[in-house]
PDB file of all heavy atoms in Angstrom:
ATOM      1  N   SER A   1      -1.652   9.943   5.208  1.00  0.00           N
ATOM      2  CA  SER A   1      -2.366   8.839   4.574  1.00  0.00           C
ATOM      3  C   SER A   1      -3.590   8.481   5.395  1.00  0.00           C
ATOM      4  O   SER A   1      -3.595   8.615   6.643  1.00  0.00           O
ATOM      5  CB  SER A   1      -1.459   7.633   4.472  1.00  0.00           C
ATOM      6  OG  SER A   1      -0.342   7.935   3.673  1.00  0.00           O
ATOM      7  N   ASN A   2      -4.654   8.038   4.710  1.00  0.00           N
ATOM      8  CA  ASN A   2      -5.812   7.552   5.398  1.00  0.00           C
ATOM      9  C   ASN A   2      -6.236   6.210   4.783  1.00  0.00           C
ATOM     10  O   ASN A   2      -5.673   5.790   3.803  1.00  0.00           O
ATOM     11  CB  ASN A   2      -6.953   8.560   5.412  1.00  0.00           C
ATOM     12  CG  ASN A   2      -7.423   8.903   3.971  1.00  0.00           C
ATOM     13  OD1 ASN A   2      -7.585   8.037   3.157  1.00  0.00           O
ATOM     14  ND2 ASN A   2      -7.641  10.186   3.741  1.00  0.00           N
ATOM     15  N   ALA A   3      -7.205   5.585   5.400  1.00  0.00           N
ATOM     16  CA  ALA A   3      -7.590   4.222   4.953  1.00  0.00           C
ATOM     17  C   ALA A   3      -8.061   4.181   3.514  1.00  0.00           C
ATOM     18  O   ALA A   3      -7.819   3.187   2.862  1.00  0.00           O
ATOM     19  CB  ALA A   3      -8.684   3.676   5.907  1.00  0.00           C
ATOM     20  N   TRP A   4      -8.703   5.231   3.036  1.00  0.00           N
ATOM     21  CA  TRP A   4      -9.205   5.259   1.669  1.00  0.00           C
ATOM     22  C   TRP A   4      -8.025   5.217   0.638  1.00  0.00           C
ATOM     23  O   TRP A   4      -8.016   4.485  -0.298  1.00  0.00           O
ATOM     24  CB  TRP A   4     -10.090   6.488   1.478  1.00  0.00           C
ATOM     25  CG  TRP A   4     -10.667   6.707   0.102  1.00  0.00           C
ATOM     26  CD1 TRP A   4     -10.816   7.933  -0.486  1.00  0.00           C
ATOM     27  CD2 TRP A   4     -11.231   5.774  -0.805  1.00  0.00           C
ATOM     28  NE1 TRP A   4     -11.347   7.789  -1.733  1.00  0.00           N
ATOM     29  CE2 TRP A   4     -11.656   6.466  -1.948  1.00  0.00           C
ATOM     30  CE3 TRP A   4     -11.391   4.389  -0.770  1.00  0.00           C
ATOM     31  CZ2 TRP A   4     -12.249   5.850  -3.022  1.00  0.00           C
ATOM     32  CZ3 TRP A   4     -11.990   3.752  -1.868  1.00  0.00           C
ATOM     33  CH2 TRP A   4     -12.431   4.507  -2.967  1.00  0.00           C
ATOM     34  N   TYR A   5      -6.986   6.049   0.884  1.00  0.00           N
ATOM     35  CA  TYR A   5      -5.827   6.046   0.031  1.00  0.00           C
ATOM     36  C   TYR A   5      -5.081   4.694   0.135  1.00  0.00           C
ATOM     37  O   TYR A   5      -4.613   4.192  -0.893  1.00  0.00           O
ATOM     38  CB  TYR A   5      -4.884   7.171   0.403  1.00  0.00           C
ATOM     39  CG  TYR A   5      -5.303   8.492  -0.178  1.00  0.00           C
ATOM     40  CD1 TYR A   5      -6.296   9.283   0.443  1.00  0.00           C
ATOM     41  CD2 TYR A   5      -4.732   8.981  -1.326  1.00  0.00           C
ATOM     42  CE1 TYR A   5      -6.692  10.482  -0.080  1.00  0.00           C
ATOM     43  CE2 TYR A   5      -5.079  10.225  -1.881  1.00  0.00           C
ATOM     44  CZ  TYR A   5      -6.068  10.963  -1.233  1.00  0.00           C
ATOM     45  OH  TYR A   5      -6.446  12.171  -1.802  1.00  0.00           O
ATOM     46  N   VAL A   6      -4.990   4.157   1.353  1.00  0.00           N
ATOM     47  CA  VAL A   6      -4.281   2.867   1.522  1.00  0.00           C
ATOM     48  C   VAL A   6      -5.026   1.795   0.730  1.00  0.00           C
ATOM     49  O   VAL A   6      -4.359   0.979   0.040  1.00  0.00           O
ATOM     50  CB  VAL A   6      -4.205   2.551   3.017  1.00  0.00           C
ATOM     51  CG1 VAL A   6      -3.742   1.104   3.235  1.00  0.00           C
ATOM     52  CG2 VAL A   6      -3.258   3.523   3.750  1.00  0.00           C
ATOM     53  N   SER A   7      -6.338   1.745   0.824  1.00  0.00           N
ATOM     54  CA  SER A   7      -7.124   0.750   0.076  1.00  0.00           C
ATOM     55  C   SER A   7      -6.947   0.877  -1.429  1.00  0.00           C
ATOM     56  O   SER A   7      -6.779  -0.107  -2.152  1.00  0.00           O
ATOM     57  CB  SER A   7      -8.634   0.868   0.423  1.00  0.00           C
ATOM     58  OG  SER A   7      -8.825   0.571   1.781  1.00  0.00           O
ATOM     59  N   ALA A   8      -7.036   2.126  -1.918  1.00  0.00           N
ATOM     60  CA  ALA A   8      -6.889   2.341  -3.382  1.00  0.00           C
ATOM     61  C   ALA A   8      -5.483   1.952  -3.859  1.00  0.00           C
ATOM     62  O   ALA A   8      -5.343   1.303  -4.892  1.00  0.00           O
ATOM     63  CB  ALA A   8      -7.173   3.784  -3.681  1.00  0.00           C
ATOM     64  N   ASN A   9      -4.489   2.267  -3.084  1.00  0.00           N
ATOM     65  CA  ASN A   9      -3.112   1.908  -3.453  1.00  0.00           C
ATOM     66  C   ASN A   9      -2.906   0.363  -3.334  1.00  0.00           C
ATOM     67  O   ASN A   9      -2.105  -0.187  -4.110  1.00  0.00           O
ATOM     68  CB  ASN A   9      -2.074   2.652  -2.683  1.00  0.00           C
ATOM     69  CG  ASN A   9      -1.895   4.106  -3.259  1.00  0.00           C
ATOM     70  OD1 ASN A   9      -2.289   4.381  -4.398  1.00  0.00           O
ATOM     71  ND2 ASN A   9      -1.277   4.936  -2.421  1.00  0.00           N
ATOM     72  N   SER A  10      -3.554  -0.239  -2.451  1.00  0.00           N
ATOM     73  CA  SER A  10      -3.461  -1.691  -2.324  1.00  0.00           C
ATOM     74  C   SER A  10      -3.996  -2.367  -3.615  1.00  0.00           C
ATOM     75  O   SER A  10      -3.419  -3.352  -4.122  1.00  0.00           O
ATOM     76  CB  SER A  10      -4.268  -2.187  -1.110  1.00  0.00           C
ATOM     77  OG  SER A  10      -4.227  -3.594  -1.024  1.00  0.00           O
ATOM     78  N   VAL A  11      -5.075  -1.798  -4.131  1.00  0.00           N
ATOM     79  CA  VAL A  11      -5.630  -2.335  -5.369  1.00  0.00           C
ATOM     80  C   VAL A  11      -4.610  -2.141  -6.552  1.00  0.00           C
ATOM     81  O   VAL A  11      -4.349  -3.051  -7.301  1.00  0.00           O
ATOM     82  CB  VAL A  11      -6.988  -1.654  -5.741  1.00  0.00           C
ATOM     83  CG1 VAL A  11      -7.407  -1.951  -7.175  1.00  0.00           C
ATOM     84  CG2 VAL A  11      -8.053  -2.127  -4.753  1.00  0.00           C
ATOM     85  N   LEU A  12      -4.055  -0.943  -6.647  1.00  0.00           N
ATOM     86  CA  LEU A  12      -3.069  -0.678  -7.690  1.00  0.00           C
ATOM     87  C   LEU A  12      -1.861  -1.572  -7.565  1.00  0.00           C
ATOM     88  O   LEU A  12      -1.266  -2.023  -8.519  1.00  0.00           O
ATOM     89  CB  LEU A  12      -2.662   0.766  -7.691  1.00  0.00           C
ATOM     90  CG  LEU A  12      -3.669   1.768  -8.223  1.00  0.00           C
ATOM     91  CD1 LEU A  12      -3.065   3.208  -8.112  1.00  0.00           C
ATOM     92  CD2 LEU A  12      -4.112   1.493  -9.621  1.00  0.00           C
ATOM     93  N   SER A  13      -1.411  -1.829  -6.318  1.00  0.00           N
ATOM     94  CA  SER A  13      -0.283  -2.675  -6.078  1.00  0.00           C
ATOM     95  C   SER A  13      -0.584  -4.123  -6.547  1.00  0.00           C
ATOM     96  O   SER A  13       0.250  -4.728  -7.251  1.00  0.00           O
ATOM     97  CB  SER A  13       0.040  -2.690  -4.575  1.00  0.00           C
ATOM     98  OG  SER A  13       1.101  -3.586  -4.311  1.00  0.00           O
ATOM     99  N   GLU A  14      -1.759  -4.615  -6.288  1.00  0.00           N
ATOM    100  CA  GLU A  14      -2.158  -5.948  -6.679  1.00  0.00           C
ATOM    101  C   GLU A  14      -2.177  -6.083  -8.226  1.00  0.00           C
ATOM    102  O   GLU A  14      -1.698  -7.052  -8.800  1.00  0.00           O
ATOM    103  CB  GLU A  14      -3.525  -6.346  -6.117  1.00  0.00           C
ATOM    104  CG  GLU A  14      -3.601  -6.527  -4.656  1.00  0.00           C
ATOM    105  CD  GLU A  14      -5.022  -6.632  -4.143  1.00  0.00           C
ATOM    106  OE1 GLU A  14      -5.985  -6.824  -4.959  1.00  0.00           O
ATOM    107  OE2 GLU A  14      -5.228  -6.428  -2.924  1.00  0.00           O
ATOM    108  N   VAL A  15      -2.748  -5.082  -8.865  1.00  0.00           N
ATOM    109  CA  VAL A  15      -2.887  -5.118 -10.352  1.00  0.00           C
ATOM    110  C   VAL A  15      -1.491  -4.956 -10.947  1.00  0.00           C
ATOM    111  O   VAL A  15      -1.155  -5.667 -11.917  1.00  0.00           O
ATOM    112  CB  VAL A  15      -3.822  -4.042 -10.846  1.00  0.00           C
ATOM    113  CG1 VAL A  15      -3.890  -4.002 -12.364  1.00  0.00           C
ATOM    114  CG2 VAL A  15      -5.258  -4.219 -10.273  1.00  0.00           C
ATOM    115  N   SER A  16      -0.660  -4.093 -10.406  1.00  0.00           N
ATOM    116  CA  SER A  16       0.683  -3.916 -10.925  1.00  0.00           C
ATOM    117  C   SER A  16       1.480  -5.265 -10.816  1.00  0.00           C
ATOM    118  O   SER A  16       2.139  -5.685 -11.744  1.00  0.00           O
ATOM    119  CB  SER A  16       1.467  -2.827 -10.181  1.00  0.00           C
ATOM    120  OG  SER A  16       0.817  -1.580 -10.338  1.00  0.00           O
ATOM    121  N   ASP A  17       1.375  -5.832  -9.652  1.00  0.00           N
ATOM    122  CA  ASP A  17       2.086  -7.118  -9.407  1.00  0.00           C
ATOM    123  C   ASP A  17       1.617  -8.206 -10.360  1.00  0.00           C
ATOM    124  O   ASP A  17       2.432  -9.019 -10.866  1.00  0.00           O
ATOM    125  CB  ASP A  17       1.842  -7.548  -7.933  1.00  0.00           C
ATOM    126  CG  ASP A  17       2.689  -8.717  -7.564  1.00  0.00           C
ATOM    127  OD1 ASP A  17       3.956  -8.661  -7.754  1.00  0.00           O
ATOM    128  OD2 ASP A  17       2.144  -9.743  -7.090  1.00  0.00           O
ATOM    129  N   ALA A  18       0.323  -8.240 -10.653  1.00  0.00           N
ATOM    130  CA  ALA A  18      -0.191  -9.248 -11.553  1.00  0.00           C
ATOM    131  C   ALA A  18       0.346  -9.117 -12.981  1.00  0.00           C
ATOM    132  O   ALA A  18       0.428 -10.100 -13.739  1.00  0.00           O
ATOM    133  CB  ALA A  18      -1.734  -9.164 -11.639  1.00  0.00           C
ATOM    134  N   HIS A  19       0.817  -7.889 -13.352  1.00  0.00           N
ATOM    135  CA  HIS A  19       1.373  -7.655 -14.625  1.00  0.00           C
ATOM    136  C   HIS A  19       2.883  -7.547 -14.633  1.00  0.00           C
ATOM    137  O   HIS A  19       3.524  -7.197 -15.657  1.00  0.00           O
ATOM    138  CB  HIS A  19       0.785  -6.351 -15.245  1.00  0.00           C
ATOM    139  CG  HIS A  19      -0.640  -6.539 -15.643  1.00  0.00           C
ATOM    140  ND1 HIS A  19      -1.035  -7.128 -16.843  1.00  0.00           N
ATOM    141  CD2 HIS A  19      -1.761  -6.219 -14.960  1.00  0.00           C
ATOM    142  CE1 HIS A  19      -2.385  -7.136 -16.871  1.00  0.00           C
ATOM    143  NE2 HIS A  19      -2.836  -6.611 -15.759  1.00  0.00           N
ATOM    144  N   GLY A  20       3.528  -7.834 -13.453  1.00  0.00           N
ATOM    145  CA  GLY A  20       4.937  -7.736 -13.365  1.00  0.00           C
ATOM    146  C   GLY A  20       5.450  -6.310 -13.471  1.00  0.00           C
ATOM    147  O   GLY A  20       6.604  -6.109 -13.892  1.00  0.00           O
ATOM    148  N   ILE A  21       4.669  -5.364 -13.032  1.00  0.00           N
ATOM    149  CA  ILE A  21       5.015  -3.935 -13.101  1.00  0.00           C
ATOM    150  C   ILE A  21       5.466  -3.471 -11.713  1.00  0.00           C
ATOM    151  O   ILE A  21       4.826  -3.829 -10.695  1.00  0.00           O
ATOM    152  CB  ILE A  21       3.801  -3.134 -13.592  1.00  0.00           C
ATOM    153  CG1 ILE A  21       3.513  -3.475 -15.037  1.00  0.00           C
ATOM    154  CG2 ILE A  21       4.048  -1.621 -13.428  1.00  0.00           C
ATOM    155  CD1 ILE A  21       2.237  -2.859 -15.600  1.00  0.00           C
ATOM    156  N   MET A  22       6.518  -2.693 -11.666  1.00  0.00           N
ATOM    157  CA  MET A  22       7.001  -2.133 -10.414  1.00  0.00           C
ATOM    158  C   MET A  22       6.014  -1.143  -9.849  1.00  0.00           C
ATOM    159  O   MET A  22       5.389  -0.427 -10.625  1.00  0.00           O
ATOM    160  CB  MET A  22       8.375  -1.468 -10.636  1.00  0.00           C
ATOM    161  CG  MET A  22       9.466  -2.391 -11.008  1.00  0.00           C
ATOM    162  SD  MET A  22      10.955  -1.581 -11.646  1.00  0.00           S
ATOM    163  CE  MET A  22      10.551  -1.484 -13.422  1.00  0.00           C
ATOM    164  N   PHE A  23       5.884  -1.110  -8.532  1.00  0.00           N
ATOM    165  CA  PHE A  23       4.913  -0.201  -7.894  1.00  0.00           C
ATOM    166  C   PHE A  23       5.564   0.520  -6.702  1.00  0.00           C
ATOM    167  O   PHE A  23       6.307  -0.040  -5.919  1.00  0.00           O
ATOM    168  CB  PHE A  23       3.728  -1.084  -7.371  1.00  0.00           C
ATOM    169  CG  PHE A  23       2.695  -0.244  -6.669  1.00  0.00           C
ATOM    170  CD1 PHE A  23       1.791   0.547  -7.457  1.00  0.00           C
ATOM    171  CD2 PHE A  23       2.531  -0.207  -5.315  1.00  0.00           C
ATOM    172  CE1 PHE A  23       0.807   1.343  -6.861  1.00  0.00           C
ATOM    173  CE2 PHE A  23       1.563   0.580  -4.687  1.00  0.00           C
ATOM    174  CZ  PHE A  23       0.716   1.316  -5.485  1.00  0.00           C
ATOM    175  N   ILE A  24       5.259   1.817  -6.611  1.00  0.00           N
ATOM    176  CA  ILE A  24       5.682   2.650  -5.498  1.00  0.00           C
ATOM    177  C   ILE A  24       4.424   3.104  -4.791  1.00  0.00           C
ATOM    178  O   ILE A  24       3.536   3.685  -5.419  1.00  0.00           O
ATOM    179  CB  ILE A  24       6.518   3.869  -5.978  1.00  0.00           C
ATOM    180  CG1 ILE A  24       7.795   3.413  -6.682  1.00  0.00           C
ATOM    181  CG2 ILE A  24       6.794   4.793  -4.798  1.00  0.00           C
ATOM    182  CD1 ILE A  24       8.581   4.490  -7.329  1.00  0.00           C
ATOM    183  N   ASP A  25       4.352   2.873  -3.496  1.00  0.00           N
ATOM    184  CA  ASP A  25       3.164   3.225  -2.704  1.00  0.00           C
ATOM    185  C   ASP A  25       3.455   4.468  -1.870  1.00  0.00           C
ATOM    186  O   ASP A  25       4.102   4.394  -0.820  1.00  0.00           O
ATOM    187  CB  ASP A  25       2.813   2.053  -1.793  1.00  0.00           C
ATOM    188  CG  ASP A  25       1.529   2.354  -1.021  1.00  0.00           C
ATOM    189  OD1 ASP A  25       0.954   3.426  -1.167  1.00  0.00           O
ATOM    190  OD2 ASP A  25       1.060   1.411  -0.301  1.00  0.00           O
ATOM    191  N   PRO A  26       2.978   5.656  -2.326  1.00  0.00           N
ATOM    192  CA  PRO A  26       3.215   6.864  -1.523  1.00  0.00           C
ATOM    193  C   PRO A  26       2.618   6.845  -0.150  1.00  0.00           C
ATOM    194  O   PRO A  26       3.102   7.552   0.763  1.00  0.00           O
ATOM    195  CB  PRO A  26       2.522   7.974  -2.398  1.00  0.00           C
ATOM    196  CG  PRO A  26       2.564   7.407  -3.765  1.00  0.00           C
ATOM    197  CD  PRO A  26       2.364   5.930  -3.579  1.00  0.00           C
ATOM    198  N   THR A  27       1.551   6.037   0.059  1.00  0.00           N
ATOM    199  CA  THR A  27       0.966   5.997   1.413  1.00  0.00           C
ATOM    200  C   THR A  27       1.910   5.351   2.423  1.00  0.00           C
ATOM    201  O   THR A  27       1.899   5.710   3.595  1.00  0.00           O
ATOM    202  CB  THR A  27      -0.393   5.254   1.410  1.00  0.00           C
ATOM    203  OG1 THR A  27      -0.247   3.914   0.917  1.00  0.00           O
ATOM    204  CG2 THR A  27      -1.427   5.971   0.582  1.00  0.00           C
ATOM    205  N   SER A  28       2.739   4.452   1.955  1.00  0.00           N
ATOM    206  CA  SER A  28       3.677   3.791   2.890  1.00  0.00           C
ATOM    207  C   SER A  28       4.870   4.740   3.196  1.00  0.00           C
ATOM    208  O   SER A  28       5.565   4.511   4.167  1.00  0.00           O
ATOM    209  CB  SER A  28       4.212   2.473   2.290  1.00  0.00           C
ATOM    210  OG  SER A  28       5.029   2.722   1.177  1.00  0.00           O
ATOM    211  N   LEU A  29       5.062   5.706   2.334  1.00  0.00           N
ATOM    212  CA  LEU A  29       6.172   6.656   2.531  1.00  0.00           C
ATOM    213  C   LEU A  29       5.764   7.854   3.441  1.00  0.00           C
ATOM    214  O   LEU A  29       6.608   8.559   3.940  1.00  0.00           O
ATOM    215  CB  LEU A  29       6.676   7.200   1.208  1.00  0.00           C
ATOM    216  CG  LEU A  29       7.163   6.109   0.201  1.00  0.00           C
ATOM    217  CD1 LEU A  29       7.509   6.729  -1.112  1.00  0.00           C
ATOM    218  CD2 LEU A  29       8.358   5.368   0.791  1.00  0.00           C
ATOM    219  N   ASP A  30       4.467   8.082   3.541  1.00  0.00           N
ATOM    220  CA  ASP A  30       3.911   9.182   4.397  1.00  0.00           C
ATOM    221  C   ASP A  30       4.659  10.469   4.142  1.00  0.00           C
ATOM    222  O   ASP A  30       5.268  11.047   5.011  1.00  0.00           O
ATOM    223  CB  ASP A  30       4.051   8.774   5.853  1.00  0.00           C
ATOM    224  CG  ASP A  30       3.079   9.588   6.738  1.00  0.00           C
ATOM    225  OD1 ASP A  30       2.060  10.060   6.223  1.00  0.00           O
ATOM    226  OD2 ASP A  30       3.380   9.761   7.923  1.00  0.00           O
ATOM    227  N   LEU A  31       4.594  10.918   2.885  1.00  0.00           N
ATOM    228  CA  LEU A  31       5.388  12.017   2.424  1.00  0.00           C
ATOM    229  C   LEU A  31       4.975  13.424   2.879  1.00  0.00           C
ATOM    230  O   LEU A  31       5.846  14.283   3.075  1.00  0.00           O
ATOM    231  CB  LEU A  31       5.447  12.015   0.886  1.00  0.00           C
ATOM    232  CG  LEU A  31       6.024  10.740   0.238  1.00  0.00           C
ATOM    233  CD1 LEU A  31       5.886  10.811  -1.280  1.00  0.00           C
ATOM    234  CD2 LEU A  31       7.513  10.593   0.600  1.00  0.00           C
ATOM    235  N   PHE A  32       3.662  13.667   2.951  1.00  0.00           N
ATOM    236  CA  PHE A  32       3.213  15.046   3.138  1.00  0.00           C
ATOM    237  C   PHE A  32       2.404  15.269   4.407  1.00  0.00           C
ATOM    238  O   PHE A  32       1.504  16.073   4.433  1.00  0.00           O
ATOM    239  CB  PHE A  32       2.425  15.478   1.927  1.00  0.00           C
ATOM    240  CG  PHE A  32       3.290  15.458   0.674  1.00  0.00           C
ATOM    241  CD1 PHE A  32       3.100  14.503  -0.296  1.00  0.00           C
ATOM    242  CD2 PHE A  32       4.317  16.371   0.552  1.00  0.00           C
ATOM    243  CE1 PHE A  32       3.900  14.436  -1.417  1.00  0.00           C
ATOM    244  CE2 PHE A  32       5.130  16.332  -0.608  1.00  0.00           C
ATOM    245  CZ  PHE A  32       4.926  15.377  -1.569  1.00  0.00           C
ATOM    246  N   SER A  33       2.703  14.475   5.454  1.00  0.00           N
ATOM    247  CA  SER A  33       2.024  14.687   6.720  1.00  0.00           C
ATOM    248  C   SER A  33       2.896  15.540   7.654  1.00  0.00           C
ATOM    249  O   SER A  33       4.049  15.849   7.300  1.00  0.00           O
ATOM    250  CB  SER A  33       1.727  13.325   7.393  1.00  0.00           C
ATOM    251  OG  SER A  33       2.941  12.712   7.685  1.00  0.00           O
ATOM    252  N   GLY A  34       2.319  15.942   8.775  1.00  0.00           N
ATOM    253  CA  GLY A  34       3.074  16.703   9.754  1.00  0.00           C
ATOM    254  C   GLY A  34       3.702  17.970   9.189  1.00  0.00           C
ATOM    255  O   GLY A  34       3.012  18.755   8.474  1.00  0.00           O
ATOM    256  N   GLU A  35       4.945  18.151   9.472  1.00  0.00           N
ATOM    257  CA  GLU A  35       5.665  19.382   9.045  1.00  0.00           C
ATOM    258  C   GLU A  35       5.720  19.474   7.533  1.00  0.00           C
ATOM    259  O   GLU A  35       5.797  20.577   6.944  1.00  0.00           O
ATOM    260  CB  GLU A  35       7.073  19.363   9.603  1.00  0.00           C
ATOM    261  CG  GLU A  35       7.776  20.700   9.511  1.00  0.00           C
ATOM    262  CD  GLU A  35       9.075  20.698  10.241  1.00  0.00           C
ATOM    263  OE1 GLU A  35       9.090  20.429  11.442  1.00  0.00           O
ATOM    264  OE2 GLU A  35      10.108  20.958   9.573  1.00  0.00           O
TER     265      GLU A  35
END
């Protein structure tokens, strides 16, 4: 994850929350780094 992805997902999280929609943030899971 980098700051650009984190910022973009932060926006999606805010908008999802405003509509009562569940949100999963892949940047917080750090799925595809390292090994």
